[in-house]
N, C-alpha and C. Protein backbone atom coordinates (compact mmCIF):
# COMPACT_ATOMS: atom_id res chain seq x y z
N UNK A 1 0.84 -1.18 0.00
CA UNK A 1 0.00 0.00 0.00
C UNK A 1 0.89 1.25 0.00
N UNK A 2 0.71 2.11 -0.96
CA UNK A 2 1.45 3.35 -1.03
C UNK A 2 0.52 4.49 -0.63
N UNK A 3 0.97 5.25 0.34
CA UNK A 3 0.18 6.39 0.81
C UNK A 3 0.94 7.66 0.50
N UNK A 4 0.28 8.59 -0.13
CA UNK A 4 0.87 9.88 -0.45
C UNK A 4 0.84 10.76 0.79
N UNK A 5 1.97 11.33 1.14
CA UNK A 5 2.01 12.24 2.27
C UNK A 5 1.32 13.56 1.88
N UNK A 6 0.61 14.14 2.81
CA UNK A 6 -0.14 15.36 2.54
C UNK A 6 0.77 16.58 2.47
N UNK A 7 0.36 17.55 1.69
CA UNK A 7 1.08 18.82 1.58
C UNK A 7 0.68 19.73 2.74
N UNK A 8 1.45 20.79 2.92
CA UNK A 8 1.15 21.78 3.95
C UNK A 8 -0.27 22.31 3.78
N UNK A 9 -0.65 22.59 2.55
CA UNK A 9 -1.99 23.14 2.28
C UNK A 9 -3.08 22.12 2.62
N UNK A 10 -2.86 20.86 2.29
CA UNK A 10 -3.84 19.82 2.62
C UNK A 10 -3.97 19.64 4.13
N UNK A 11 -2.85 19.70 4.82
CA UNK A 11 -2.87 19.58 6.29
C UNK A 11 -3.61 20.76 6.91
N UNK A 12 -3.29 21.96 6.46
CA UNK A 12 -3.95 23.16 7.00
C UNK A 12 -5.45 23.15 6.73
N UNK A 13 -5.86 22.59 5.59
CA UNK A 13 -7.29 22.50 5.26
C UNK A 13 -8.02 21.57 6.24
N UNK A 14 -7.32 20.60 6.81
CA UNK A 14 -7.93 19.67 7.77
C UNK A 14 -8.02 20.21 9.18
N UNK A 15 -7.40 21.34 9.43
CA UNK A 15 -7.38 21.92 10.77
C UNK A 15 -8.77 22.26 11.31
N UNK A 16 -9.66 22.71 10.42
CA UNK A 16 -11.01 23.10 10.85
C UNK A 16 -11.73 21.92 11.51
N UNK A 17 -11.62 20.73 10.92
CA UNK A 17 -12.26 19.54 11.50
C UNK A 17 -11.65 19.19 12.86
N UNK A 18 -10.33 19.25 12.96
CA UNK A 18 -9.65 18.94 14.23
C UNK A 18 -10.13 19.88 15.33
N UNK A 19 -10.31 21.14 14.99
CA UNK A 19 -10.71 22.15 15.97
C UNK A 19 -12.17 21.99 16.42
N UNK A 20 -12.91 21.12 15.75
CA UNK A 20 -14.30 20.85 16.15
C UNK A 20 -14.38 19.71 17.18
N UNK A 21 -13.25 19.20 17.62
CA UNK A 21 -13.24 18.12 18.61
C UNK A 21 -13.95 18.56 19.89
N UNK A 22 -14.65 17.63 20.55
CA UNK A 22 -15.34 17.98 21.80
C UNK A 22 -14.38 18.51 22.85
N UNK A 23 -14.87 19.41 23.70
CA UNK A 23 -14.03 20.05 24.73
C UNK A 23 -14.02 19.28 26.05
N UNK A 24 -15.14 18.69 26.44
CA UNK A 24 -15.24 18.10 27.78
C UNK A 24 -15.42 16.59 27.80
N UNK A 25 -16.18 16.06 26.86
CA UNK A 25 -16.47 14.63 26.82
C UNK A 25 -16.14 14.10 25.44
N UNK A 26 -15.17 13.20 25.38
CA UNK A 26 -14.76 12.61 24.12
C UNK A 26 -14.99 11.11 24.13
N UNK A 27 -14.41 10.43 23.13
CA UNK A 27 -14.58 8.99 22.99
C UNK A 27 -13.24 8.37 22.61
N UNK A 28 -12.94 7.20 23.17
CA UNK A 28 -11.75 6.45 22.78
C UNK A 28 -12.04 5.81 21.43
N UNK A 29 -11.26 6.17 20.43
CA UNK A 29 -11.44 5.64 19.08
C UNK A 29 -10.52 4.43 18.81
N UNK A 30 -9.35 4.40 19.47
CA UNK A 30 -8.42 3.28 19.27
C UNK A 30 -7.49 3.19 20.48
N UNK A 31 -7.14 1.96 20.84
CA UNK A 31 -6.16 1.67 21.88
C UNK A 31 -5.06 0.83 21.24
N UNK A 32 -3.81 1.23 21.48
CA UNK A 32 -2.68 0.53 20.88
C UNK A 32 -1.66 0.19 21.96
N UNK A 33 -1.27 -1.08 22.01
CA UNK A 33 -0.22 -1.54 22.90
C UNK A 33 1.05 -1.72 22.08
N UNK A 34 2.18 -1.31 22.65
CA UNK A 34 3.47 -1.42 21.96
C UNK A 34 4.34 -2.42 22.74
N UNK A 35 4.18 -3.72 22.50
CA UNK A 35 4.91 -4.72 23.28
C UNK A 35 6.42 -4.68 23.06
N UNK A 36 6.86 -4.24 21.90
CA UNK A 36 8.28 -4.11 21.55
C UNK A 36 8.42 -2.87 20.67
N UNK A 37 9.64 -2.40 20.50
CA UNK A 37 9.90 -1.25 19.62
C UNK A 37 9.38 -1.58 18.22
N UNK A 38 8.63 -0.65 17.65
CA UNK A 38 8.04 -0.76 16.31
C UNK A 38 7.04 -1.90 16.15
N UNK A 39 6.55 -2.44 17.25
CA UNK A 39 5.51 -3.47 17.22
C UNK A 39 4.23 -2.86 17.78
N UNK A 40 3.09 -3.16 17.16
CA UNK A 40 1.82 -2.58 17.58
C UNK A 40 0.74 -3.66 17.65
N UNK A 41 -0.02 -3.64 18.75
CA UNK A 41 -1.21 -4.49 18.90
C UNK A 41 -2.39 -3.57 19.14
N UNK A 42 -3.36 -3.58 18.24
CA UNK A 42 -4.57 -2.78 18.41
C UNK A 42 -5.50 -3.59 19.32
N UNK A 43 -5.96 -2.95 20.40
CA UNK A 43 -6.77 -3.61 21.42
C UNK A 43 -8.19 -3.07 21.46
N UNK A 44 -9.11 -3.89 21.91
CA UNK A 44 -10.48 -3.45 22.17
C UNK A 44 -10.64 -3.05 23.64
N UNK A 45 -9.84 -3.68 24.50
CA UNK A 45 -9.90 -3.44 25.94
C UNK A 45 -8.49 -3.46 26.49
N UNK A 46 -8.22 -2.63 27.49
CA UNK A 46 -6.89 -2.56 28.09
C UNK A 46 -7.00 -2.27 29.58
N UNK A 47 -5.95 -2.67 30.29
CA UNK A 47 -5.85 -2.37 31.71
C UNK A 47 -4.80 -1.29 31.89
N UNK A 48 -5.13 -0.29 32.72
CA UNK A 48 -4.17 0.75 33.06
C UNK A 48 -3.76 0.54 34.51
N UNK A 49 -2.45 0.57 34.76
CA UNK A 49 -1.88 0.28 36.06
C UNK A 49 -1.02 1.46 36.51
N UNK A 50 -1.02 1.74 37.81
CA UNK A 50 -0.25 2.87 38.33
C UNK A 50 1.25 2.74 38.03
N UNK A 51 1.79 1.55 38.13
CA UNK A 51 3.21 1.33 37.94
C UNK A 51 3.58 1.00 36.49
N UNK A 52 2.78 0.19 35.82
CA UNK A 52 3.08 -0.30 34.47
C UNK A 52 2.55 0.59 33.35
N UNK A 53 1.61 1.46 33.66
CA UNK A 53 0.94 2.22 32.60
C UNK A 53 -0.06 1.30 31.92
N UNK A 54 -0.01 1.21 30.60
CA UNK A 54 -0.87 0.29 29.86
C UNK A 54 -0.24 -1.10 29.98
N UNK A 55 -0.94 -2.01 30.63
CA UNK A 55 -0.40 -3.34 30.87
C UNK A 55 -0.11 -4.05 29.54
N UNK A 56 1.13 -4.55 29.41
CA UNK A 56 1.58 -5.21 28.18
C UNK A 56 2.37 -4.29 27.27
N UNK A 57 2.36 -2.99 27.55
CA UNK A 57 3.09 -2.01 26.75
C UNK A 57 4.55 -1.98 27.22
N UNK A 58 5.45 -1.61 26.33
CA UNK A 58 6.88 -1.60 26.65
C UNK A 58 7.39 -0.29 27.24
N UNK A 59 6.50 0.63 27.59
CA UNK A 59 6.92 1.94 28.11
C UNK A 59 7.96 1.80 29.21
N UNK A 60 7.68 0.99 30.21
CA UNK A 60 8.57 0.88 31.36
C UNK A 60 9.90 0.22 30.99
N UNK A 61 9.85 -0.84 30.21
CA UNK A 61 11.06 -1.58 29.82
C UNK A 61 11.95 -0.77 28.88
N UNK A 62 11.34 0.06 28.01
CA UNK A 62 12.12 0.85 27.04
C UNK A 62 12.97 1.90 27.70
N UNK A 63 12.48 2.46 28.80
CA UNK A 63 13.21 3.53 29.45
C UNK A 63 13.16 4.82 28.66
N UNK A 64 14.01 5.78 29.07
CA UNK A 64 13.98 7.10 28.46
C UNK A 64 15.36 7.75 28.53
N UNK A 65 15.71 8.45 27.49
CA UNK A 65 16.96 9.23 27.50
C UNK A 65 16.78 10.52 28.29
N UNK A 66 15.52 10.84 28.66
CA UNK A 66 15.23 12.08 29.38
C UNK A 66 15.32 11.94 30.90
N UNK A 67 15.66 10.74 31.40
CA UNK A 67 15.83 10.56 32.84
C UNK A 67 17.32 10.30 33.12
N UNK A 68 17.81 10.77 34.25
CA UNK A 68 19.24 10.61 34.56
C UNK A 68 19.72 9.16 34.57
N UNK A 69 18.87 8.24 35.01
CA UNK A 69 19.29 6.83 35.10
C UNK A 69 18.79 5.98 33.94
N UNK A 70 18.14 6.60 32.95
CA UNK A 70 17.65 5.87 31.78
C UNK A 70 16.35 5.11 32.01
N UNK A 71 15.76 5.28 33.19
CA UNK A 71 14.49 4.60 33.48
C UNK A 71 13.36 5.29 32.72
N UNK A 72 12.22 4.62 32.68
CA UNK A 72 11.05 5.18 31.99
C UNK A 72 10.67 6.52 32.61
N UNK A 73 10.31 7.47 31.76
CA UNK A 73 9.93 8.80 32.26
C UNK A 73 8.51 8.73 32.82
N UNK A 74 8.34 9.04 34.10
CA UNK A 74 7.02 8.92 34.73
C UNK A 74 5.96 9.84 34.11
N UNK A 75 6.40 10.92 33.49
CA UNK A 75 5.43 11.85 32.89
C UNK A 75 5.10 11.53 31.44
N UNK A 76 5.63 10.40 30.93
CA UNK A 76 5.32 9.97 29.56
C UNK A 76 4.79 8.53 29.58
N UNK A 77 4.13 8.17 30.66
CA UNK A 77 3.61 6.81 30.83
C UNK A 77 2.57 6.47 29.78
N UNK A 78 1.70 7.43 29.47
CA UNK A 78 0.62 7.25 28.50
C UNK A 78 0.72 8.35 27.44
N UNK A 79 0.65 7.96 26.16
CA UNK A 79 0.67 8.92 25.05
C UNK A 79 -0.71 8.94 24.41
N UNK A 80 -1.24 10.14 24.24
CA UNK A 80 -2.59 10.31 23.70
C UNK A 80 -2.53 11.25 22.50
N UNK A 81 -3.23 10.88 21.44
CA UNK A 81 -3.31 11.74 20.25
C UNK A 81 -4.77 11.94 19.88
N UNK A 82 -5.07 13.11 19.36
CA UNK A 82 -6.41 13.43 18.88
C UNK A 82 -6.73 12.56 17.67
N UNK A 83 -7.88 11.89 17.70
CA UNK A 83 -8.23 10.97 16.61
C UNK A 83 -8.48 11.70 15.30
N UNK A 84 -8.94 12.93 15.36
CA UNK A 84 -9.15 13.69 14.12
C UNK A 84 -7.82 14.08 13.48
N UNK A 85 -6.84 14.39 14.34
CA UNK A 85 -5.51 14.75 13.83
C UNK A 85 -4.85 13.54 13.16
N UNK A 86 -4.90 12.38 13.83
CA UNK A 86 -4.26 11.20 13.23
C UNK A 86 -5.02 10.75 11.98
N UNK A 87 -6.34 10.91 11.96
CA UNK A 87 -7.11 10.55 10.76
C UNK A 87 -6.64 11.37 9.57
N UNK A 88 -6.37 12.64 9.79
CA UNK A 88 -5.88 13.51 8.72
C UNK A 88 -4.48 13.06 8.27
N UNK A 89 -3.58 12.90 9.22
CA UNK A 89 -2.19 12.58 8.89
C UNK A 89 -2.03 11.19 8.27
N UNK A 90 -2.70 10.20 8.86
CA UNK A 90 -2.53 8.81 8.43
C UNK A 90 -3.35 8.48 7.19
N UNK A 91 -4.46 9.16 7.00
CA UNK A 91 -5.37 8.99 5.87
C UNK A 91 -6.13 7.67 5.89
N UNK A 92 -5.61 6.65 6.55
CA UNK A 92 -6.27 5.36 6.66
C UNK A 92 -6.15 4.89 8.10
N UNK A 93 -7.25 4.39 8.67
CA UNK A 93 -7.26 4.00 10.08
C UNK A 93 -6.21 2.92 10.38
N UNK A 94 -5.91 2.06 9.42
CA UNK A 94 -4.90 1.01 9.61
C UNK A 94 -3.52 1.61 9.89
N UNK A 95 -3.32 2.87 9.56
CA UNK A 95 -2.01 3.52 9.75
C UNK A 95 -1.93 4.37 11.02
N UNK A 96 -3.03 4.45 11.78
CA UNK A 96 -3.01 5.25 13.01
C UNK A 96 -1.95 4.75 13.99
N UNK A 97 -1.89 3.44 14.17
CA UNK A 97 -1.01 2.87 15.21
C UNK A 97 0.47 3.17 14.96
N UNK A 98 0.84 3.50 13.73
CA UNK A 98 2.23 3.83 13.42
C UNK A 98 2.73 5.04 14.19
N UNK A 99 1.81 5.90 14.64
CA UNK A 99 2.20 7.12 15.36
C UNK A 99 2.92 6.79 16.65
N UNK A 100 2.62 5.62 17.24
CA UNK A 100 3.29 5.23 18.47
C UNK A 100 2.57 5.62 19.74
N UNK A 101 1.39 6.19 19.61
CA UNK A 101 0.59 6.56 20.78
C UNK A 101 -0.26 5.37 21.22
N UNK A 102 -0.67 5.37 22.49
CA UNK A 102 -1.49 4.28 23.01
C UNK A 102 -2.98 4.56 22.89
N UNK A 103 -3.35 5.84 22.96
CA UNK A 103 -4.77 6.19 22.88
C UNK A 103 -5.00 7.25 21.81
N UNK A 104 -6.04 7.01 21.02
CA UNK A 104 -6.51 7.98 20.03
C UNK A 104 -7.92 8.34 20.45
N UNK A 105 -8.09 9.61 20.82
CA UNK A 105 -9.33 10.06 21.44
C UNK A 105 -9.90 11.25 20.68
N UNK A 106 -11.21 11.26 20.49
CA UNK A 106 -11.87 12.42 19.90
C UNK A 106 -12.15 13.41 21.02
N UNK A 107 -11.17 14.25 21.30
CA UNK A 107 -11.23 15.25 22.37
C UNK A 107 -10.22 16.34 22.05
N UNK A 108 -10.56 17.58 22.34
CA UNK A 108 -9.66 18.71 22.15
C UNK A 108 -8.50 18.57 23.15
N UNK A 109 -7.31 18.30 22.65
CA UNK A 109 -6.14 18.12 23.50
C UNK A 109 -5.32 19.40 23.66
N UNK A 110 -5.80 20.49 23.08
CA UNK A 110 -5.07 21.76 23.11
C UNK A 110 -4.72 22.21 24.50
N UNK A 111 -3.63 22.97 24.60
CA UNK A 111 -3.12 23.44 25.89
C UNK A 111 -4.16 24.27 26.65
N UNK A 112 -5.00 25.02 25.96
CA UNK A 112 -6.03 25.81 26.64
C UNK A 112 -7.12 24.93 27.21
N UNK A 113 -7.43 23.82 26.55
CA UNK A 113 -8.49 22.93 27.01
C UNK A 113 -8.00 21.90 28.03
N UNK A 114 -6.77 21.40 27.83
CA UNK A 114 -6.22 20.37 28.72
C UNK A 114 -4.82 20.75 29.20
N UNK A 115 -4.72 21.79 30.04
CA UNK A 115 -3.39 22.14 30.55
C UNK A 115 -2.85 21.04 31.45
N UNK A 116 -1.54 21.04 31.67
CA UNK A 116 -0.92 20.07 32.58
C UNK A 116 -1.67 20.11 33.91
N UNK A 117 -1.90 18.92 34.46
CA UNK A 117 -2.63 18.80 35.72
C UNK A 117 -4.10 18.45 35.54
N UNK A 118 -4.62 18.62 34.31
CA UNK A 118 -6.01 18.25 34.04
C UNK A 118 -6.16 16.75 34.18
N UNK A 119 -7.27 16.34 34.77
CA UNK A 119 -7.53 14.91 34.93
C UNK A 119 -8.62 14.47 33.96
N UNK A 120 -8.42 13.25 33.46
CA UNK A 120 -9.36 12.65 32.52
C UNK A 120 -9.85 11.32 33.07
N UNK A 121 -11.17 11.18 33.18
CA UNK A 121 -11.77 9.88 33.50
C UNK A 121 -11.88 9.14 32.19
N UNK A 122 -11.23 7.99 32.12
CA UNK A 122 -11.16 7.22 30.88
C UNK A 122 -11.49 5.78 31.25
N UNK A 123 -12.68 5.31 30.88
CA UNK A 123 -13.16 4.02 31.38
C UNK A 123 -13.26 4.13 32.89
N UNK A 124 -12.74 3.13 33.62
CA UNK A 124 -12.76 3.20 35.09
C UNK A 124 -11.45 3.76 35.64
N UNK A 125 -10.54 4.20 34.77
CA UNK A 125 -9.25 4.75 35.18
C UNK A 125 -9.30 6.28 35.18
N UNK A 126 -8.31 6.87 35.81
CA UNK A 126 -8.13 8.32 35.76
C UNK A 126 -6.69 8.61 35.38
N UNK A 127 -6.53 9.48 34.38
CA UNK A 127 -5.22 9.94 33.92
C UNK A 127 -5.04 11.39 34.30
N UNK A 128 -3.78 11.81 34.42
CA UNK A 128 -3.47 13.22 34.64
C UNK A 128 -2.53 13.66 33.52
N UNK A 129 -2.91 14.73 32.84
CA UNK A 129 -2.09 15.31 31.77
C UNK A 129 -0.82 15.87 32.40
N UNK A 130 0.34 15.57 31.80
CA UNK A 130 1.61 16.06 32.32
C UNK A 130 2.15 17.18 31.42
N UNK A 131 3.14 17.88 31.93
CA UNK A 131 3.71 19.01 31.19
C UNK A 131 4.77 18.57 30.17
N UNK A 132 5.19 17.31 30.22
CA UNK A 132 6.24 16.83 29.30
C UNK A 132 5.74 16.94 27.86
N UNK A 133 6.45 17.69 27.01
CA UNK A 133 6.02 17.84 25.61
C UNK A 133 6.05 16.50 24.85
N UNK A 134 5.15 16.38 23.91
CA UNK A 134 5.08 15.22 23.02
C UNK A 134 5.23 15.77 21.61
N UNK A 135 6.36 15.50 20.97
CA UNK A 135 6.64 16.11 19.67
C UNK A 135 6.87 15.06 18.60
N UNK A 136 6.75 15.48 17.36
CA UNK A 136 6.98 14.60 16.22
C UNK A 136 8.46 14.36 16.01
N UNK A 137 8.86 13.11 15.92
CA UNK A 137 10.27 12.75 15.77
C UNK A 137 10.56 12.32 14.32
N UNK A 138 11.77 11.84 14.09
CA UNK A 138 12.16 11.38 12.75
C UNK A 138 11.28 10.22 12.28
N UNK A 139 10.94 9.29 13.18
CA UNK A 139 10.07 8.17 12.79
C UNK A 139 8.70 8.69 12.37
N UNK A 140 8.18 9.66 13.09
CA UNK A 140 6.89 10.26 12.77
C UNK A 140 6.94 10.88 11.37
N UNK A 141 8.01 11.62 11.08
CA UNK A 141 8.18 12.25 9.77
C UNK A 141 8.28 11.19 8.67
N UNK A 142 8.98 10.10 8.94
CA UNK A 142 9.12 9.03 7.94
C UNK A 142 7.77 8.38 7.65
N UNK A 143 6.95 8.25 8.65
CA UNK A 143 5.66 7.56 8.49
C UNK A 143 4.57 8.44 7.89
N UNK A 144 4.57 9.73 8.25
CA UNK A 144 3.48 10.62 7.82
C UNK A 144 3.94 11.77 6.94
N UNK A 145 5.23 11.92 6.76
CA UNK A 145 5.76 12.97 5.88
C UNK A 145 6.39 14.11 6.65
N UNK A 146 7.36 14.74 5.99
CA UNK A 146 8.07 15.87 6.59
C UNK A 146 7.10 17.02 6.89
N UNK A 147 6.17 17.27 5.97
CA UNK A 147 5.20 18.36 6.19
C UNK A 147 4.32 18.08 7.41
N UNK A 148 3.99 16.81 7.65
CA UNK A 148 3.19 16.45 8.83
C UNK A 148 3.95 16.75 10.11
N UNK A 149 5.25 16.42 10.14
CA UNK A 149 6.07 16.70 11.32
C UNK A 149 6.17 18.21 11.55
N UNK A 150 6.37 18.97 10.48
CA UNK A 150 6.41 20.43 10.61
C UNK A 150 5.07 20.98 11.08
N UNK A 151 3.99 20.41 10.58
CA UNK A 151 2.62 20.83 10.93
C UNK A 151 2.36 20.63 12.42
N UNK A 152 2.65 19.44 12.95
CA UNK A 152 2.36 19.18 14.36
C UNK A 152 3.32 19.92 15.29
N UNK A 153 4.53 20.23 14.80
CA UNK A 153 5.52 20.93 15.62
C UNK A 153 5.53 22.44 15.41
N UNK A 154 4.60 22.95 14.59
CA UNK A 154 4.50 24.40 14.37
C UNK A 154 3.98 25.07 15.64
N UNK A 155 4.02 26.37 15.69
CA UNK A 155 3.50 27.11 16.84
C UNK A 155 2.04 26.75 17.10
N UNK A 156 1.23 26.77 16.04
CA UNK A 156 -0.20 26.41 16.16
C UNK A 156 -0.36 24.94 16.53
N UNK A 157 0.44 24.08 15.90
CA UNK A 157 0.39 22.65 16.18
C UNK A 157 0.70 22.33 17.63
N UNK A 158 1.69 23.02 18.19
CA UNK A 158 2.05 22.82 19.61
C UNK A 158 0.95 23.35 20.53
N UNK A 159 0.37 24.48 20.18
CA UNK A 159 -0.71 25.05 20.98
C UNK A 159 -1.91 24.10 21.02
N UNK A 160 -2.18 23.45 19.89
CA UNK A 160 -3.32 22.52 19.81
C UNK A 160 -2.94 21.09 20.20
N UNK A 161 -1.64 20.89 20.51
CA UNK A 161 -1.12 19.54 20.83
C UNK A 161 -1.50 18.54 19.74
N UNK A 162 -1.25 18.92 18.49
CA UNK A 162 -1.60 18.05 17.37
C UNK A 162 -0.80 16.76 17.38
N UNK A 163 0.41 16.79 17.92
CA UNK A 163 1.19 15.54 18.01
C UNK A 163 0.71 14.71 19.20
N UNK A 164 0.00 15.35 20.11
CA UNK A 164 -0.54 14.62 21.24
C UNK A 164 -0.04 15.15 22.56
N UNK A 165 -0.42 14.43 23.61
CA UNK A 165 -0.04 14.80 24.97
C UNK A 165 0.47 13.57 25.71
N UNK A 166 1.17 13.84 26.79
CA UNK A 166 1.60 12.79 27.70
C UNK A 166 0.73 12.84 28.95
N UNK A 167 0.57 11.69 29.57
CA UNK A 167 -0.23 11.60 30.79
C UNK A 167 0.32 10.47 31.65
N UNK A 168 -0.13 10.43 32.89
CA UNK A 168 0.23 9.34 33.79
C UNK A 168 -1.04 8.82 34.45
N UNK A 169 -1.01 7.55 34.82
CA UNK A 169 -2.15 6.90 35.46
C UNK A 169 -2.16 7.29 36.93
N UNK A 170 -3.28 7.83 37.41
CA UNK A 170 -3.39 8.13 38.84
C UNK A 170 -4.47 7.29 39.51
N UNK A 171 -5.28 6.61 38.71
CA UNK A 171 -6.21 5.60 39.23
C UNK A 171 -6.26 4.47 38.21
N UNK A 172 -5.89 3.27 38.65
CA UNK A 172 -5.90 2.11 37.76
C UNK A 172 -7.32 1.79 37.33
N UNK A 173 -7.45 1.12 36.19
CA UNK A 173 -8.78 0.74 35.73
C UNK A 173 -8.75 0.10 34.36
N UNK A 174 -9.94 -0.22 33.87
CA UNK A 174 -10.13 -0.85 32.58
C UNK A 174 -10.68 0.18 31.60
N UNK A 175 -10.17 0.15 30.37
CA UNK A 175 -10.65 1.05 29.32
C UNK A 175 -10.99 0.23 28.09
N UNK A 176 -11.98 0.70 27.35
CA UNK A 176 -12.43 0.00 26.13
C UNK A 176 -12.61 1.01 25.00
N UNK A 177 -12.40 0.54 23.79
CA UNK A 177 -12.73 1.36 22.63
C UNK A 177 -14.22 1.70 22.72
N UNK A 178 -14.55 2.95 22.49
CA UNK A 178 -15.93 3.42 22.59
C UNK A 178 -16.27 4.03 23.94
N UNK A 179 -15.39 3.84 24.94
CA UNK A 179 -15.64 4.45 26.26
C UNK A 179 -15.59 5.97 26.15
N UNK A 180 -16.39 6.60 26.97
CA UNK A 180 -16.36 8.06 27.06
C UNK A 180 -15.13 8.49 27.83
N UNK A 181 -14.56 9.61 27.44
CA UNK A 181 -13.45 10.25 28.14
C UNK A 181 -13.97 11.59 28.64
N UNK A 182 -13.92 11.78 29.96
CA UNK A 182 -14.47 13.01 30.56
C UNK A 182 -13.38 13.82 31.21
N UNK A 183 -13.41 15.11 30.94
CA UNK A 183 -12.50 16.05 31.62
C UNK A 183 -13.08 16.27 33.02
N UNK A 184 -12.26 16.01 34.04
CA UNK A 184 -12.76 16.20 35.42
C UNK A 184 -11.91 17.18 36.20
């Protein structure tokens, strides 16, 4: 399957739809577990744990270059991306999981709507949005195009958190595709 990467103009044209995302109550559109680097399992149901994050995901084992000891960064336990943004960038739902995020949610993730410290009830779990930036990397650019990486990392893209947000689990629980996500 060959997918054409979108141009700057095509990406900007899709911004209006992304900005129509719900502000307070959204829906989980996709859950993705990353058991190994570059491996993806699309799930219908997942468990969120205070220590492990998304159970079965490699977040903890992978560690982070952003911590002094190389351990997993506690403020990047869960990665969330707006489902409208990934739909635009990926063009096909089968390509959403390539982004590397665990949750794709139809909810306004912008800094004004979900500043760091905001809590989200997601299934029976509760997440807290962290201040750690989530930006488009070289892998993201390779998968969705250079213009897509520039788009999500632009001033407007960062304000709207088009690349997504980081969060941590503060109440363990079960989440399912189709569950409501509530800003609390």
